[in-house]
C-alpha cells in the first residue's frame, strides 16, 4: 500500500446535507413525539434485537453520533403510537418493516392520519 492512501475514521468524509436538512433517528425511547413528516428530513429507522438486554441502546447510539459529530446533528423522535392506537397491554416493540409501513401509510394518507 502506498503511504498516505488510507484514511482513519476521523478523516472519513461526511455526507453533505442540503441547507436546513435534518436527520431524525426514530426510537421508542425518545421523549420527542413525531407529529408529522417533513420532506426536508431523513428518518433513520434503527432496530434492536433484544430490547430487554439492550435497553436504550438505539437512543444512546443516536445521541453519541450527534454529540461526536457537529456536522451531522441527529435528533431523536418516537412515533405517536400511544396517542393513536390502543395496544390493550400488547407490546409496543416494532420491527423496522413495521415502522417503515407506518411511515409509508401516513404519507399515502396525505400526512393526515397516523392510524391509517
Protein backbone atom coordinates (compact mmCIF):
# COMPACT_ATOMS: atom_id res chain seq x y z
CA UNK A 1 0.00 0.00 0.00
CA UNK A 2 1.20 3.48 -0.74
CA UNK A 3 1.87 5.75 2.17
CA UNK A 4 -0.88 8.29 2.80
CA UNK A 5 -3.58 6.40 0.85
CA UNK A 6 -5.53 5.17 3.86
CA UNK A 7 -7.88 7.33 5.89
CA UNK A 8 -8.67 6.74 9.52
CA UNK A 9 -12.22 7.19 10.86
CA UNK A 10 -11.66 10.83 11.78
CA UNK A 11 -10.72 11.63 8.17
CA UNK A 12 -13.66 9.86 6.54
CA UNK A 13 -15.82 12.22 4.50
CA UNK A 14 -19.20 13.06 5.98
CA UNK A 15 -22.39 13.21 3.92
CA UNK A 16 -23.30 16.70 2.74
CA UNK A 17 -26.79 17.72 3.74
CA UNK A 18 -28.97 20.22 1.95
CA UNK A 19 -29.42 23.51 3.80
CA UNK A 20 -31.85 23.10 6.72
CA UNK A 21 -31.95 19.33 6.18
CA UNK A 22 -32.39 17.30 9.34
CA UNK A 23 -31.71 13.74 10.44
CA UNK A 24 -34.14 12.14 12.90
CA UNK A 25 -33.40 8.77 14.46
CA UNK A 26 -36.68 7.03 15.28
CA UNK A 27 -36.66 5.22 18.62
CA UNK A 28 -39.38 4.41 21.10
CA UNK A 29 -37.10 5.67 23.87
CA UNK A 30 -37.17 9.29 22.67
CA UNK A 31 -39.02 11.93 24.67
CA UNK A 32 -39.86 13.74 21.40
CA UNK A 33 -43.03 12.65 19.63
CA UNK A 34 -43.15 12.82 15.85
CA UNK A 35 -46.21 14.86 14.89
CA UNK A 36 -45.81 14.91 11.11
CA UNK A 37 -43.29 14.02 8.42
CA UNK A 38 -41.12 16.67 6.81
CA UNK A 39 -39.80 16.36 3.26
CA UNK A 40 -36.57 18.07 4.33
CA UNK A 41 -35.84 15.38 6.93
CA UNK A 42 -34.26 11.95 6.62
CA UNK A 43 -35.74 9.48 9.10
CA UNK A 44 -33.41 6.77 10.35
CA UNK A 45 -35.11 3.53 11.33
CA UNK A 46 -32.96 1.50 13.67
CA UNK A 47 -33.62 -1.92 15.10
CA UNK A 48 -32.64 -3.58 18.34
CA UNK A 49 -32.98 -7.35 18.51
CA UNK A 50 -33.03 -7.77 22.29
CA UNK A 51 -34.79 -4.80 23.87
CA UNK A 52 -34.63 -6.24 27.40
CA UNK A 53 -30.88 -6.75 27.32
CA UNK A 54 -30.07 -3.59 25.34
CA UNK A 55 -32.42 -1.03 26.86
CA UNK A 56 -31.95 2.47 25.41
CA UNK A 57 -29.24 1.23 23.03
CA UNK A 58 -30.80 2.92 19.99
CA UNK A 59 -31.24 6.35 21.57
CA UNK A 60 -27.80 6.21 23.17
CA UNK A 61 -26.27 5.39 19.77
CA UNK A 62 -28.10 8.28 18.08
CA UNK A 63 -27.10 10.70 20.83
CA UNK A 64 -23.47 9.53 20.62
CA UNK A 65 -23.36 10.08 16.85
CA UNK A 66 -24.89 13.53 17.22
CA UNK A 67 -22.63 14.63 20.03
CA UNK A 68 -19.44 13.33 18.40
CA UNK A 69 -20.11 14.96 15.05
CA UNK A 70 -21.06 18.63 14.86
CA UNK A 71 -21.53 18.46 11.07
CA UNK A 72 -24.07 15.64 11.34
CA UNK A 73 -26.60 16.63 14.01
CA UNK A 74 -29.10 13.88 14.73
CA UNK A 75 -32.35 14.43 16.60
CA UNK A 76 -34.48 11.63 18.01
CA UNK A 77 -38.22 11.06 17.94
CA UNK A 78 -40.76 8.34 18.53
CA UNK A 79 -43.85 7.54 16.52
CA UNK A 80 -47.10 8.81 18.10
CA UNK A 81 -48.33 5.28 18.77
CA UNK A 82 -49.77 5.82 22.25
CA UNK A 83 -51.72 8.82 21.00
CA UNK A 84 -53.34 6.97 18.09
CA UNK A 85 -53.53 3.26 18.99
CA UNK A 86 -54.95 1.23 21.86
CA UNK A 87 -52.42 -1.51 22.47
CA UNK A 88 -54.53 -3.18 25.17
CA UNK A 89 -51.42 -4.32 27.02
CA UNK A 90 -49.65 -5.75 23.97
CA UNK A 91 -46.07 -4.92 23.08
CA UNK A 92 -45.07 -1.60 21.52
CA UNK A 93 -41.86 -3.02 20.09
CA UNK A 94 -41.96 -2.79 16.29
CA UNK A 95 -39.75 -4.25 13.59
CA UNK A 96 -38.02 -1.95 11.10
CA UNK A 97 -40.52 -3.14 8.49
CA UNK A 98 -43.47 -2.16 10.70
CA UNK A 99 -42.05 1.33 11.24
CA UNK A 100 -41.45 1.77 7.50
CA UNK A 101 -45.00 0.60 6.71
CA UNK A 102 -46.46 3.06 9.25
CA UNK A 103 -44.46 5.95 7.74
CA UNK A 104 -45.46 4.92 4.21
CA UNK A 105 -49.15 4.61 5.10
CA UNK A 106 -49.08 8.00 6.83
CA UNK A 107 -47.59 9.54 3.68
CA UNK A 108 -50.14 7.77 1.45
CA UNK A 109 -52.92 9.23 3.64
CA UNK A 110 -51.71 12.74 2.87
CA UNK A 111 -49.96 13.21 6.22
CA UNK A 112 -53.33 13.32 7.97
CA UNK A 113 -53.89 10.04 9.79
CA UNK A 114 -51.33 8.10 11.81
CA UNK A 115 -53.92 5.38 12.46
CA UNK A 116 -54.46 4.92 8.71
